[in-house]
Amino acid sequence: MKCEGSGWAGEECGSLQVFCGFCNGSGLNEFTPGEITDGEISKSAKERHAAHVARLSALVNQAPARLAVAA
């Protein structure tokens, strides 16, 4: 059973499991690529994602030249 993004285990998981077994408590693996369409992603989620990408891009640009990022 997926946690719907909370990261917490559901009642059906038993008393010893604290975190979701699907996302390991991150709440970030609710969807796999291609499982949802672009139209199903909220505007605010897209804006948050763009802000994170911009922040990380700025950090990478500030790093010493010896740093390489492989795609």
PDB file of N, CA and C in Angstrom:
ATOM      1  N   MET A   1       0.838  -1.183   0.000  1.00  0.00           N
ATOM      2  CA  MET A   1       0.000   0.000   0.000  1.00  0.00           C
ATOM      3  C   MET A   1       0.880   1.243   0.000  1.00  0.00           C
ATOM      4  N   LYS A   2       0.598   2.170  -0.895  1.00  0.00           N
ATOM      5  CA  LYS A   2       1.364   3.413  -0.965  1.00  0.00           C
ATOM      6  C   LYS A   2       0.891   4.383   0.115  1.00  0.00           C
ATOM      7  N   CYS A   3       1.793   5.255   0.532  1.00  0.00           N
ATOM      8  CA  CYS A   3       1.511   6.187   1.624  1.00  0.00           C
ATOM      9  C   CYS A   3       0.875   7.482   1.145  1.00  0.00           C
ATOM     10  N   GLU A   4       0.702   7.646  -0.165  1.00  0.00           N
ATOM     11  CA  GLU A   4       0.160   8.881  -0.740  1.00  0.00           C
ATOM     12  C   GLU A   4       1.045  10.080  -0.443  1.00  0.00           C
ATOM     13  N   GLY A   5       2.347   9.864  -0.290  1.00  0.00           N
ATOM     14  CA  GLY A   5       3.295  10.947  -0.114  1.00  0.00           C
ATOM     15  C   GLY A   5       3.619  11.342   1.309  1.00  0.00           C
ATOM     16  N   SER A   6       3.027  10.671   2.299  1.00  0.00           N
ATOM     17  CA  SER A   6       3.299  11.044   3.692  1.00  0.00           C
ATOM     18  C   SER A   6       4.601  10.440   4.207  1.00  0.00           C
ATOM     19  N   GLY A   7       4.965   9.253   3.691  1.00  0.00           N
ATOM     20  CA  GLY A   7       6.153   8.563   4.163  1.00  0.00           C
ATOM     21  C   GLY A   7       5.902   7.613   5.320  1.00  0.00           C
ATOM     22  N   TRP A   8       4.706   7.673   5.901  1.00  0.00           N
ATOM     23  CA  TRP A   8       4.387   6.831   7.058  1.00  0.00           C
ATOM     24  C   TRP A   8       3.706   5.541   6.633  1.00  0.00           C
ATOM     25  N   ALA A   9       3.955   4.485   7.375  1.00  0.00           N
ATOM     26  CA  ALA A   9       3.310   3.199   7.118  1.00  0.00           C
ATOM     27  C   ALA A   9       1.835   3.286   7.500  1.00  0.00           C
ATOM     28  N   GLY A  10       1.020   2.546   6.790  1.00  0.00           N
ATOM     29  CA  GLY A  10      -0.404   2.513   7.093  1.00  0.00           C
ATOM     30  C   GLY A  10      -0.702   1.504   8.191  1.00  0.00           C
ATOM     31  N   GLU A  11      -1.918   1.518   8.656  1.00  0.00           N
ATOM     32  CA  GLU A  11      -2.343   0.612   9.730  1.00  0.00           C
ATOM     33  C   GLU A  11      -2.230  -0.849   9.325  1.00  0.00           C
ATOM     34  N   GLU A  12      -2.349  -1.127   8.014  1.00  0.00           N
ATOM     35  CA  GLU A  12      -2.307  -2.503   7.530  1.00  0.00           C
ATOM     36  C   GLU A  12      -0.894  -3.071   7.521  1.00  0.00           C
ATOM     37  N   CYS A  13       0.125  -2.256   7.807  1.00  0.00           N
ATOM     38  CA  CYS A  13       1.521  -2.692   7.741  1.00  0.00           C
ATOM     39  C   CYS A  13       2.012  -3.368   9.014  1.00  0.00           C
ATOM     40  N   GLY A  14       1.276  -3.308  10.076  1.00  0.00           N
ATOM     41  CA  GLY A  14       1.733  -3.913  11.320  1.00  0.00           C
ATOM     42  C   GLY A  14       2.379  -2.894  12.231  1.00  0.00           C
ATOM     43  N   SER A  15       2.496  -3.232  13.490  1.00  0.00           N
ATOM     44  CA  SER A  15       2.960  -2.269  14.485  1.00  0.00           C
ATOM     45  C   SER A  15       4.464  -2.022  14.462  1.00  0.00           C
ATOM     46  N   LEU A  16       5.248  -2.892  13.831  1.00  0.00           N
ATOM     47  CA  LEU A  16       6.699  -2.713  13.830  1.00  0.00           C
ATOM     48  C   LEU A  16       7.197  -1.866  12.666  1.00  0.00           C
ATOM     49  N   GLN A  17       6.362  -1.651  11.667  1.00  0.00           N
ATOM     50  CA  GLN A  17       6.774  -0.859  10.515  1.00  0.00           C
ATOM     51  C   GLN A  17       6.322   0.583  10.703  1.00  0.00           C
ATOM     52  N   VAL A  18       7.285   1.498  10.761  1.00  0.00           N
ATOM     53  CA  VAL A  18       6.989   2.906  10.983  1.00  0.00           C
ATOM     54  C   VAL A  18       6.849   3.648   9.663  1.00  0.00           C
ATOM     55  N   PHE A  19       7.755   3.352   8.722  1.00  0.00           N
ATOM     56  CA  PHE A  19       7.777   4.073   7.455  1.00  0.00           C
ATOM     57  C   PHE A  19       7.201   3.237   6.326  1.00  0.00           C
ATOM     58  N   CYS A  20       6.716   3.920   5.311  1.00  0.00           N
ATOM     59  CA  CYS A  20       6.138   3.283   4.137  1.00  0.00           C
ATOM     60  C   CYS A  20       7.179   2.381   3.474  1.00  0.00           C
ATOM     61  N   GLY A  21       6.801   1.161   3.151  1.00  0.00           N
ATOM     62  CA  GLY A  21       7.706   0.226   2.501  1.00  0.00           C
ATOM     63  C   GLY A  21       7.905   0.528   1.030  1.00  0.00           C
ATOM     64  N   PHE A  22       6.992   1.269   0.427  1.00  0.00           N
ATOM     65  CA  PHE A  22       7.089   1.604  -0.995  1.00  0.00           C
ATOM     66  C   PHE A  22       8.118   2.702  -1.238  1.00  0.00           C
ATOM     67  N   CYS A  23       8.095   3.752  -0.397  1.00  0.00           N
ATOM     68  CA  CYS A  23       9.014   4.891  -0.603  1.00  0.00           C
ATOM     69  C   CYS A  23      10.104   4.959   0.463  1.00  0.00           C
ATOM     70  N   ASN A  24      10.118   4.002   1.388  1.00  0.00           N
ATOM     71  CA  ASN A  24      11.088   3.962   2.484  1.00  0.00           C
ATOM     72  C   ASN A  24      11.061   5.219   3.347  1.00  0.00           C
ATOM     73  N   GLY A  25       9.887   5.807   3.462  1.00  0.00           N
ATOM     74  CA  GLY A  25       9.723   6.971   4.332  1.00  0.00           C
ATOM     75  C   GLY A  25       9.985   8.307   3.686  1.00  0.00           C
ATOM     76  N   SER A  26      10.423   8.317   2.435  1.00  0.00           N
ATOM     77  CA  SER A  26      10.739   9.599   1.792  1.00  0.00           C
ATOM     78  C   SER A  26       9.488  10.331   1.325  1.00  0.00           C
ATOM     79  N   GLY A  27       8.456   9.585   0.977  1.00  0.00           N
ATOM     80  CA  GLY A  27       7.252  10.201   0.422  1.00  0.00           C
ATOM     81  C   GLY A  27       7.456  10.706  -0.989  1.00  0.00           C
ATOM     82  N   LEU A  28       8.595  10.361  -1.600  1.00  0.00           N
ATOM     83  CA  LEU A  28       8.932  10.922  -2.905  1.00  0.00           C
ATOM     84  C   LEU A  28       8.734   9.971  -4.073  1.00  0.00           C
ATOM     85  N   ASN A  29       8.469   8.722  -3.814  1.00  0.00           N
ATOM     86  CA  ASN A  29       8.381   7.746  -4.892  1.00  0.00           C
ATOM     87  C   ASN A  29       6.949   7.316  -5.180  1.00  0.00           C
ATOM     88  N   GLU A  30       6.015   8.203  -4.978  1.00  0.00           N
ATOM     89  CA  GLU A  30       4.619   7.837  -5.184  1.00  0.00           C
ATOM     90  C   GLU A  30       4.317   7.491  -6.633  1.00  0.00           C
ATOM     91  N   PHE A  31       4.986   8.144  -7.554  1.00  0.00           N
ATOM     92  CA  PHE A  31       4.701   7.926  -8.955  1.00  0.00           C
ATOM     93  C   PHE A  31       5.974   7.536  -9.684  1.00  0.00           C
ATOM     94  N   THR A  32       5.844   6.675 -10.647  1.00  0.00           N
ATOM     95  CA  THR A  32       6.969   6.327 -11.496  1.00  0.00           C
ATOM     96  C   THR A  32       6.812   7.077 -12.812  1.00  0.00           C
ATOM     97  N   PRO A  33       7.899   7.334 -13.539  1.00  0.00           N
ATOM     98  CA  PRO A  33       7.784   8.059 -14.805  1.00  0.00           C
ATOM     99  C   PRO A  33       6.761   7.425 -15.733  1.00  0.00           C
ATOM    100  N   GLY A  34       5.905   8.250 -16.282  1.00  0.00           N
ATOM    101  CA  GLY A  34       4.878   7.779 -17.198  1.00  0.00           C
ATOM    102  C   GLY A  34       3.596   7.337 -16.521  1.00  0.00           C
ATOM    103  N   GLU A  35       3.585   7.254 -15.195  1.00  0.00           N
ATOM    104  CA  GLU A  35       2.395   6.795 -14.475  1.00  0.00           C
ATOM    105  C   GLU A  35       1.324   7.888 -14.427  1.00  0.00           C
ATOM    106  N   ILE A  36       1.751   9.144 -14.422  1.00  0.00           N
ATOM    107  CA  ILE A  36       0.800  10.257 -14.436  1.00  0.00           C
ATOM    108  C   ILE A  36       1.143  11.171 -15.601  1.00  0.00           C
ATOM    109  N   THR A  37       0.157  11.965 -16.017  1.00  0.00           N
ATOM    110  CA  THR A  37       0.377  12.882 -17.129  1.00  0.00           C
ATOM    111  C   THR A  37       0.762  14.256 -16.589  1.00  0.00           C
ATOM    112  N   ASP A  38       1.295  15.087 -17.470  1.00  0.00           N
ATOM    113  CA  ASP A  38       1.705  16.434 -17.091  1.00  0.00           C
ATOM    114  C   ASP A  38       0.516  17.238 -16.552  1.00  0.00           C
ATOM    115  N   GLY A  39      -0.656  16.999 -17.102  1.00  0.00           N
ATOM    116  CA  GLY A  39      -1.850  17.712 -16.658  1.00  0.00           C
ATOM    117  C   GLY A  39      -2.290  17.363 -15.242  1.00  0.00           C
ATOM    118  N   GLU A  40      -1.842  16.219 -14.726  1.00  0.00           N
ATOM    119  CA  GLU A  40      -2.204  15.793 -13.374  1.00  0.00           C
ATOM    120  C   GLU A  40      -1.294  16.378 -12.303  1.00  0.00           C
ATOM    121  N   ILE A  41      -0.216  17.031 -12.715  1.00  0.00           N
ATOM    122  CA  ILE A  41       0.716  17.631 -11.764  1.00  0.00           C
ATOM    123  C   ILE A  41       0.274  19.065 -11.512  1.00  0.00           C
ATOM    124  N   SER A  42       0.118  19.426 -10.254  1.00  0.00           N
ATOM    125  CA  SER A  42      -0.386  20.760  -9.924  1.00  0.00           C
ATOM    126  C   SER A  42       0.612  21.851 -10.296  1.00  0.00           C
ATOM    127  N   LYS A  43       0.095  23.042 -10.494  1.00  0.00           N
ATOM    128  CA  LYS A  43       0.941  24.189 -10.829  1.00  0.00           C
ATOM    129  C   LYS A  43       1.947  24.462  -9.710  1.00  0.00           C
ATOM    130  N   SER A  44       1.500  24.369  -8.463  1.00  0.00           N
ATOM    131  CA  SER A  44       2.405  24.635  -7.341  1.00  0.00           C
ATOM    132  C   SER A  44       3.518  23.595  -7.259  1.00  0.00           C
ATOM    133  N   ALA A  45       3.205  22.329  -7.568  1.00  0.00           N
ATOM    134  CA  ALA A  45       4.240  21.290  -7.571  1.00  0.00           C
ATOM    135  C   ALA A  45       5.269  21.567  -8.661  1.00  0.00           C
ATOM    136  N   LYS A  46       4.807  22.014  -9.820  1.00  0.00           N
ATOM    137  CA  LYS A  46       5.727  22.345 -10.908  1.00  0.00           C
ATOM    138  C   LYS A  46       6.607  23.529 -10.517  1.00  0.00           C
ATOM    139  N   GLU A  47       6.031  24.516  -9.842  1.00  0.00           N
ATOM    140  CA  GLU A  47       6.789  25.687  -9.409  1.00  0.00           C
ATOM    141  C   GLU A  47       7.828  25.309  -8.353  1.00  0.00           C
ATOM    142  N   ARG A  48       7.447  24.430  -7.402  1.00  0.00           N
ATOM    143  CA  ARG A  48       8.400  23.976  -6.385  1.00  0.00           C
ATOM    144  C   ARG A  48       9.554  23.216  -7.025  1.00  0.00           C
ATOM    145  N   HIS A  49       9.229  22.360  -7.985  1.00  0.00           N
ATOM    146  CA  HIS A  49      10.257  21.596  -8.682  1.00  0.00           C
ATOM    147  C   HIS A  49      11.206  22.540  -9.415  1.00  0.00           C
ATOM    148  N   ALA A  50      10.669  23.523 -10.128  1.00  0.00           N
ATOM    149  CA  ALA A  50      11.498  24.480 -10.857  1.00  0.00           C
ATOM    150  C   ALA A  50      12.400  25.264  -9.900  1.00  0.00           C
ATOM    151  N   ALA A  51      11.876  25.617  -8.732  1.00  0.00           N
ATOM    152  CA  ALA A  51      12.684  26.346  -7.743  1.00  0.00           C
ATOM    153  C   ALA A  51      13.830  25.483  -7.225  1.00  0.00           C
ATOM    154  N   HIS A  52      13.571  24.194  -6.978  1.00  0.00           N
ATOM    155  CA  HIS A  52      14.634  23.281  -6.523  1.00  0.00           C
ATOM    156  C   HIS A  52      15.704  23.123  -7.601  1.00  0.00           C
ATOM    157  N   VAL A  53      15.281  22.971  -8.850  1.00  0.00           N
ATOM    158  CA  VAL A  53      16.239  22.826  -9.954  1.00  0.00           C
ATOM    159  C   VAL A  53      17.081  24.091 -10.083  1.00  0.00           C
ATOM    160  N   ALA A  54      16.450  25.251  -9.979  1.00  0.00           N
ATOM    161  CA  ALA A  54      17.191  26.513 -10.076  1.00  0.00           C
ATOM    162  C   ALA A  54      18.197  26.651  -8.936  1.00  0.00           C
ATOM    163  N   ARG A  55      17.782  26.294  -7.724  1.00  0.00           N
ATOM    164  CA  ARG A  55      18.684  26.389  -6.564  1.00  0.00           C
ATOM    165  C   ARG A  55      19.874  25.447  -6.726  1.00  0.00           C
ATOM    166  N   LEU A  56      19.612  24.208  -7.135  1.00  0.00           N
ATOM    167  CA  LEU A  56      20.699  23.243  -7.318  1.00  0.00           C
ATOM    168  C   LEU A  56      21.613  23.642  -8.473  1.00  0.00           C
ATOM    169  N   SER A  57      21.047  24.202  -9.534  1.00  0.00           N
ATOM    170  CA  SER A  57      21.865  24.665 -10.661  1.00  0.00           C
ATOM    171  C   SER A  57      22.806  25.769 -10.219  1.00  0.00           C
ATOM    172  N   ALA A  58      22.305  26.679  -9.397  1.00  0.00           N
ATOM    173  CA  ALA A  58      23.143  27.765  -8.883  1.00  0.00           C
ATOM    174  C   ALA A  58      24.275  27.214  -8.016  1.00  0.00           C
ATOM    175  N   LEU A  59      23.983  26.219  -7.195  1.00  0.00           N
ATOM    176  CA  LEU A  59      25.015  25.610  -6.357  1.00  0.00           C
ATOM    177  C   LEU A  59      26.085  24.923  -7.186  1.00  0.00           C
ATOM    178  N   VAL A  60      25.664  24.225  -8.228  1.00  0.00           N
ATOM    179  CA  VAL A  60      26.625  23.536  -9.096  1.00  0.00           C
ATOM    180  C   VAL A  60      27.497  24.566  -9.801  1.00  0.00           C
ATOM    181  N   ASN A  61      26.897  25.673 -10.231  1.00  0.00           N
ATOM    182  CA  ASN A  61      27.674  26.711 -10.923  1.00  0.00           C
ATOM    183  C   ASN A  61      28.685  27.377  -9.997  1.00  0.00           C
ATOM    184  N   GLN A  62      28.451  27.375  -8.697  1.00  0.00           N
ATOM    185  CA  GLN A  62      29.368  27.971  -7.729  1.00  0.00           C
ATOM    186  C   GLN A  62      30.495  27.028  -7.325  1.00  0.00           C
ATOM    187  N   ALA A  63      30.360  25.766  -7.678  1.00  0.00           N
ATOM    188  CA  ALA A  63      31.352  24.758  -7.275  1.00  0.00           C
ATOM    189  C   ALA A  63      32.647  24.948  -8.067  1.00  0.00           C
ATOM    190  N   PRO A  64      33.747  24.451  -7.502  1.00  0.00           N
ATOM    191  CA  PRO A  64      35.029  24.531  -8.234  1.00  0.00           C
ATOM    192  C   PRO A  64      34.938  23.837  -9.589  1.00  0.00           C
ATOM    193  N   ALA A  65      35.782  24.252 -10.497  1.00  0.00           N
ATOM    194  CA  ALA A  65      35.748  23.739 -11.870  1.00  0.00           C
ATOM    195  C   ALA A  65      35.993  22.240 -11.944  1.00  0.00           C
ATOM    196  N   ARG A  66      36.635  21.647 -10.955  1.00  0.00           N
ATOM    197  CA  ARG A  66      36.949  20.221 -11.037  1.00  0.00           C
ATOM    198  C   ARG A  66      35.713  19.335 -10.832  1.00  0.00           C
ATOM    199  N   LEU A  67      34.608  19.924 -10.408  1.00  0.00           N
ATOM    200  CA  LEU A  67      33.384  19.168 -10.193  1.00  0.00           C
ATOM    201  C   LEU A  67      32.728  18.869 -11.534  1.00  0.00           C
ATOM    202  N   ALA A  68      32.396  17.623 -11.767  1.00  0.00           N
ATOM    203  CA  ALA A  68      31.713  17.230 -12.997  1.00  0.00           C
ATOM    204  C   ALA A  68      30.424  16.512 -12.630  1.00  0.00           C
ATOM    205  N   VAL A  69      29.390  16.782 -13.358  1.00  0.00           N
ATOM    206  CA  VAL A  69      28.099  16.142 -13.129  1.00  0.00           C
ATOM    207  C   VAL A  69      27.759  15.335 -14.349  1.00  0.00           C
ATOM    208  N   ALA A  70      27.555  14.051 -14.174  1.00  0.00           N
ATOM    209  CA  ALA A  70      27.193  13.179 -15.292  1.00  0.00           C
ATOM    210  C   ALA A  70      25.700  12.984 -15.302  1.00  0.00           C
ATOM    211  N   ALA A  71      25.127  13.027 -16.454  1.00  0.00           N
ATOM    212  CA  ALA A  71      23.674  12.848 -16.580  1.00  0.00           C
ATOM    213  C   ALA A  71      23.345  11.390 -16.778  1.00  0.00           C
TER     214      ALA A  71
END
